[in-house]
Protein backbone atom coordinates (compact mmCIF):
# COMPACT_ATOMS: atom_id res chain seq x y z
CA UNK A 1 -4.90 -17.18 5.76
CA UNK A 2 -1.70 -15.26 5.11
CA UNK A 3 -3.21 -12.20 6.82
CA UNK A 4 -4.26 -14.33 9.81
CA UNK A 5 -0.78 -15.81 10.16
CA UNK A 6 0.71 -12.31 10.00
CA UNK A 7 -1.79 -11.23 12.64
CA UNK A 8 -0.84 -14.15 14.90
CA UNK A 9 2.84 -13.31 14.46
CA UNK A 10 2.24 -9.64 15.27
CA UNK A 11 0.23 -10.44 18.41
CA UNK A 12 2.89 -12.91 19.55
CA UNK A 13 5.76 -10.46 19.09
CA UNK A 14 3.76 -7.71 20.76
CA UNK A 15 3.22 -9.83 23.86
CA UNK A 16 6.84 -10.98 24.05
CA UNK A 17 8.70 -7.81 23.05
CA UNK A 18 9.29 -6.72 26.66
CA UNK A 19 10.72 -10.12 27.64
CA UNK A 20 14.49 -10.06 28.16
CA UNK A 21 14.79 -13.76 27.21
CA UNK A 22 12.44 -15.63 24.86
CA UNK A 23 12.87 -19.39 24.74
CA UNK A 24 11.47 -21.25 21.70
CA UNK A 25 8.98 -23.08 23.91
CA UNK A 26 7.58 -19.75 25.21
CA UNK A 27 7.25 -18.34 21.68
CA UNK A 28 5.50 -21.49 20.46
CA UNK A 29 3.08 -21.44 23.40
CA UNK A 30 2.10 -17.81 22.86
CA UNK A 31 1.88 -18.32 19.09
CA UNK A 32 -0.41 -21.33 19.54
CA UNK A 33 -2.60 -19.46 22.04
CA UNK A 34 -3.06 -16.61 19.56
CA UNK A 35 -3.81 -19.07 16.77
CA UNK A 36 -6.47 -20.71 18.93
CA UNK A 37 -7.97 -17.31 19.73
CA UNK A 38 -8.22 -16.52 16.00
CA UNK A 39 -9.51 -20.05 15.27
CA UNK A 40 -6.56 -21.05 13.09
CA UNK A 41 -5.80 -24.78 13.18
CA UNK A 42 -2.01 -24.93 12.92
CA UNK A 43 -2.15 -28.72 12.77
CA UNK A 44 -4.00 -28.68 9.48
CA UNK A 45 -1.14 -27.77 7.17
CA UNK A 46 -3.06 -28.73 4.02
CA UNK A 47 -5.75 -26.15 4.78
CA UNK A 48 -3.18 -23.48 5.62
CA UNK A 49 -1.22 -23.99 2.41
CA UNK A 50 -4.43 -24.16 0.39
CA UNK A 51 -5.58 -20.81 1.79
CA UNK A 52 -2.14 -19.28 1.30
CA UNK A 53 -2.19 -20.48 -2.30
CA UNK A 54 -5.60 -18.85 -2.78
CA UNK A 55 -4.19 -15.57 -1.42
CA UNK A 56 -1.31 -15.79 -3.90
CA UNK A 57 -3.72 -16.51 -6.73
CA UNK A 58 -5.74 -13.41 -5.81
CA UNK A 59 -2.62 -11.25 -5.95
CA UNK A 60 -1.63 -12.86 -9.27
CA UNK A 61 -5.03 -11.99 -10.72
CA UNK A 62 -4.67 -8.38 -9.60
CA UNK A 63 -1.20 -8.19 -11.17
CA UNK A 64 -2.49 -9.75 -14.41
CA UNK A 65 -5.44 -7.34 -14.65
CA UNK A 66 -3.16 -4.39 -13.89
CA UNK A 67 -0.82 -5.50 -16.67
CA UNK A 68 -3.75 -5.79 -19.06
CA UNK A 69 -4.90 -2.27 -18.17
CA UNK A 70 -1.41 -0.88 -18.69
CA UNK A 71 -1.22 -2.53 -22.11
CA UNK A 72 -4.65 -1.16 -23.02
CA UNK A 73 -3.64 2.31 -21.80
CA UNK A 74 -0.51 2.17 -23.96
CA UNK A 75 -2.58 1.32 -27.05
CA UNK A 76 -5.18 3.98 -26.24
CA UNK A 77 -2.45 6.62 -25.89
CA UNK A 78 -1.10 5.79 -29.35
CA UNK A 79 -4.60 5.90 -30.84
CA UNK A 80 -5.35 9.21 -29.08
CA UNK A 81 -2.17 10.80 -30.44
CA UNK A 82 -3.13 9.80 -33.98
CA UNK A 83 -6.77 10.87 -33.49
CA UNK A 84 -5.67 14.31 -32.26
CA UNK A 85 -3.48 14.79 -35.33
CA UNK A 86 -6.30 13.57 -37.62
CA UNK A 87 -8.93 15.53 -35.64
CA UNK A 88 -10.92 12.30 -35.38
CA UNK A 89 -13.56 13.15 -32.75
CA UNK A 90 -15.32 9.78 -33.06
CA UNK A 91 -12.16 7.89 -32.12
CA UNK A 92 -11.41 10.31 -29.26
CA UNK A 93 -14.89 9.72 -27.78
CA UNK A 94 -14.34 5.97 -28.01
CA UNK A 95 -10.96 6.27 -26.29
CA UNK A 96 -12.52 8.41 -23.54
CA UNK A 97 -15.07 5.67 -22.81
CA UNK A 98 -12.27 3.09 -22.69
CA UNK A 99 -10.31 5.25 -20.23
CA UNK A 100 -13.38 5.56 -17.99
CA UNK A 101 -13.72 1.76 -18.02
CA UNK A 102 -10.07 1.34 -17.10
CA UNK A 103 -10.37 3.90 -14.28
CA UNK A 104 -13.26 1.90 -12.84
CA UNK A 105 -11.20 -1.31 -13.00
CA UNK A 106 -8.16 0.36 -11.45
CA UNK A 107 -10.30 1.67 -8.56
CA UNK A 108 -11.59 -1.87 -8.00
CA UNK A 109 -8.08 -3.36 -8.10
CA UNK A 110 -6.80 -0.78 -5.62
CA UNK A 111 -9.63 -1.71 -3.27
CA UNK A 112 -8.72 -5.40 -3.62
CA UNK A 113 -5.08 -4.74 -2.78
CA UNK A 114 -5.40 -2.12 -0.07
CA UNK A 115 -8.65 -2.91 1.80
CA UNK A 116 -9.11 -5.18 4.78
CA UNK A 117 -11.36 -7.97 3.56
CA UNK A 118 -13.60 -7.95 6.65
CA UNK A 119 -14.07 -4.31 7.61
CA UNK A 120 -13.21 -2.39 4.41
CA UNK A 121 -10.77 -0.27 6.40
CA UNK A 122 -7.36 0.19 4.80
CA UNK A 123 -4.93 -2.68 5.40
CA UNK A 124 -1.34 -2.52 6.63
CA UNK A 125 0.05 -2.66 3.10
CA UNK A 126 -1.78 0.55 2.24
CA UNK A 127 -0.50 2.15 5.44
CA UNK A 128 3.12 1.21 4.74
CA UNK A 129 2.90 2.35 1.10
CA UNK A 130 1.25 5.69 1.87
CA UNK A 131 2.65 6.77 5.23
CA UNK A 132 6.06 5.18 5.68
CA UNK A 133 9.45 5.11 4.02
CA UNK A 134 12.08 2.87 5.58
CA UNK A 135 9.83 2.53 8.66
CA UNK A 136 9.68 6.33 9.12
CA UNK A 137 6.71 8.65 8.67
CA UNK A 138 6.58 10.80 5.55
CA UNK A 139 3.74 13.04 6.80
CA UNK A 140 3.06 15.29 9.78
CA UNK A 141 -0.15 14.95 11.76
CA UNK A 142 -1.59 12.73 14.48
CA UNK A 143 -1.85 8.99 14.97
CA UNK A 144 -4.47 7.32 17.15
CA UNK A 145 -4.22 3.69 18.20
CA UNK A 146 -7.56 1.99 18.98
CA UNK A 147 -8.27 -1.22 20.85
CA UNK A 148 -11.76 -2.62 21.51
CA UNK A 149 -12.58 -3.14 25.17
CA UNK A 150 -13.35 -6.73 26.21
CA UNK A 151 -13.42 -7.97 22.62
CA UNK A 152 -12.44 -11.49 23.73
CA UNK A 153 -15.50 -11.58 25.99
CA UNK A 154 -17.72 -10.62 23.03
CA UNK A 155 -16.24 -13.46 20.95
CA UNK A 156 -16.53 -15.96 23.80
CA UNK A 157 -20.10 -14.94 24.65
CA UNK A 158 -21.66 -14.40 21.24
CA UNK A 159 -19.26 -16.15 18.85
CA UNK A 160 -16.86 -14.93 16.17
CA UNK A 161 -19.59 -14.12 13.66
CA UNK A 162 -20.96 -11.48 16.02
CA UNK A 163 -17.38 -10.42 16.78
CA UNK A 164 -16.82 -9.82 13.07
CA UNK A 165 -20.02 -7.76 12.89
CA UNK A 166 -18.78 -5.65 15.80
CA UNK A 167 -15.54 -4.90 13.94
CA UNK A 168 -17.48 -3.94 10.80
CA UNK A 169 -19.77 -1.71 12.83
CA UNK A 170 -16.82 -0.02 14.52
CA UNK A 171 -15.20 0.92 11.21
CA UNK A 172 -18.46 2.25 9.74
CA UNK A 173 -19.07 4.20 12.95
CA UNK A 174 -15.58 5.75 12.86
CA UNK A 175 -15.91 6.61 9.17
CA UNK A 176 -19.15 8.48 9.91
CA UNK A 177 -17.86 10.22 13.03
CA UNK A 178 -14.52 11.18 11.46
CA UNK A 179 -15.80 11.99 7.99
CA UNK A 180 -13.14 14.58 7.20
CA UNK A 181 -10.64 14.89 4.41
CA UNK A 182 -7.23 13.56 5.39
CA UNK A 183 -8.51 11.06 7.99
CA UNK A 184 -7.62 7.42 7.23
CA UNK A 185 -8.63 4.29 9.16
CA UNK A 186 -6.36 1.22 9.09
CA UNK A 187 -7.04 -2.23 10.52
CA UNK A 188 -3.70 -3.02 12.10
CA UNK A 189 -4.34 -6.42 13.70
CA UNK A 190 -7.36 -8.21 15.14
CA UNK A 191 -9.41 -5.60 17.01
CA UNK A 192 -6.64 -2.98 16.82
CA UNK A 193 -6.97 -0.03 14.46
CA UNK A 194 -4.88 2.99 13.57
CA UNK A 195 -6.45 6.33 12.69
CA UNK A 196 -4.23 8.76 10.82
CA UNK A 197 -4.82 12.50 10.66
CA UNK A 198 -2.75 13.87 7.78
CA UNK A 199 -1.82 17.47 8.62
CA UNK A 200 -1.51 18.48 4.95
CA UNK A 201 -5.09 17.39 4.19
CA UNK A 202 -6.95 17.16 7.49
CA UNK A 203 -9.46 19.83 8.51
CA UNK A 204 -10.03 18.55 12.08
CA UNK A 205 -9.03 21.32 14.50
CA UNK A 206 -9.13 19.40 17.80
CA UNK A 207 -8.26 15.74 17.19
CA UNK A 208 -8.33 14.66 20.84
CA UNK A 209 -11.79 16.20 21.31
CA UNK A 210 -13.13 14.32 18.28
CA UNK A 211 -11.69 11.03 19.54
CA UNK A 212 -13.21 11.55 23.01
CA UNK A 213 -16.59 12.38 21.48
CA UNK A 214 -16.49 9.27 19.29
CA UNK A 215 -15.48 7.11 22.25
CA UNK A 216 -18.34 8.41 24.39
CA UNK A 217 -20.94 8.20 21.61
CA UNK A 218 -20.10 4.58 20.76
CA UNK A 219 -20.29 3.52 24.42
CA UNK A 220 -23.86 4.85 24.59
CA UNK A 221 -25.09 2.91 21.57
CA UNK A 222 -26.63 -0.56 21.58
CA UNK A 223 -26.43 -3.16 18.82
CA UNK A 224 -29.44 -5.36 18.23
CA UNK A 225 -30.03 -8.41 16.04
CA UNK A 226 -32.29 -11.43 15.79
CA UNK A 227 -30.02 -13.25 18.27
CA UNK A 228 -28.97 -10.34 20.48
CA UNK A 229 -31.38 -8.11 22.36
CA UNK A 230 -28.78 -5.53 23.30
CA UNK A 231 -25.00 -5.39 22.96
CA UNK A 232 -22.87 -2.49 24.11
CA UNK A 233 -19.18 -2.16 23.35
CA UNK A 234 -16.53 0.52 23.44
CA UNK A 235 -12.94 1.28 22.55
CA UNK A 236 -9.90 2.80 24.20
CA UNK A 237 -7.32 4.86 22.36
CA UNK A 238 -3.91 6.45 22.52
CA UNK A 239 -3.20 9.62 20.55
CA UNK A 240 0.08 11.34 19.72
CA UNK A 241 1.45 13.80 17.16
CA UNK A 242 3.45 12.25 14.34
CA UNK A 243 6.20 14.11 12.55
CA UNK A 244 7.94 13.43 9.30
CA UNK A 245 10.99 11.28 10.05
CA UNK A 246 9.59 9.77 13.26
CA UNK A 247 10.19 6.03 13.68
CA UNK A 248 6.90 4.14 13.35
CA UNK A 249 7.72 1.50 15.97
CA UNK A 250 8.70 4.16 18.52
CA UNK A 251 5.46 6.04 18.00
CA UNK A 252 3.46 2.80 18.02
CA UNK A 253 4.90 1.91 21.44
CA UNK A 254 3.99 5.38 22.70
CA UNK A 255 0.34 5.34 21.52
CA UNK A 256 0.03 1.74 22.73
CA UNK A 257 1.02 2.79 26.26
CA UNK A 258 -1.31 5.82 26.10
CA UNK A 259 -4.11 3.50 24.98
CA UNK A 260 -3.66 1.31 28.08
CA UNK A 261 -3.72 4.41 30.30
CA UNK A 262 -6.92 5.49 28.57
CA UNK A 263 -8.37 1.99 29.05
CA UNK A 264 -7.76 2.15 32.83
CA UNK A 265 -9.27 5.63 33.05
CA UNK A 266 -12.26 4.55 30.99
CA UNK A 267 -12.91 1.56 33.25
CA UNK A 268 -12.94 3.86 36.31
CA UNK A 269 -15.52 6.15 34.72
CA UNK A 270 -17.73 3.18 33.79
CA UNK A 271 -17.65 1.68 37.32
């Protein structure tokens, strides 16, 4: 629920940011419209607080397990130091197994904290922790901003369950098409995604070409299920270089505008 409320807030601010004057009534109206679109009942405060509490409990569990692992690592380090001095190979093998177990748990906890629960793309927390410092980029490369075309129509026509499946499919598709080191996919909000091409790690030579190819390939595919005979969907994108020290919000506005230009061009080619 906390993520949904953040998403509603983001979508509301995005729609109103170009307004010179924002009256409370206008903000409330847009906020409520976005909540309705995401099927969040703002009138049911008990449900909202219950879900928020569950989110907090999940984070608390992650923190507790992390603390337990740190404590176990501390003890294992002491035991390893003694075993090395004593040349105790049996104890060292036991400690190695314990470290492997902890590594597996840490990987799981990282996934819990930094993955989007629906699509398994990275979430915004991961993005902020790994790409930004004081709202400025810490890496050079490229940033693409993706928005699904006519996603509201898909939700209205087939329902939100199918809409969720479309988002999952999109992320899996992008992961397969952009399966290169240094390429990271982030679910930013709703049906909006950010793709980051880290210059220090990325081996993609022509980023724009890869994005165009992925856009075209997805538009040619058809999804089928027991309820749907054939569903086609596509995305539009904006792409721009990012440089260390660039303001994130400034670059986000730029790729957002480029995405809308791409959306208009894409509609013309499809007509």
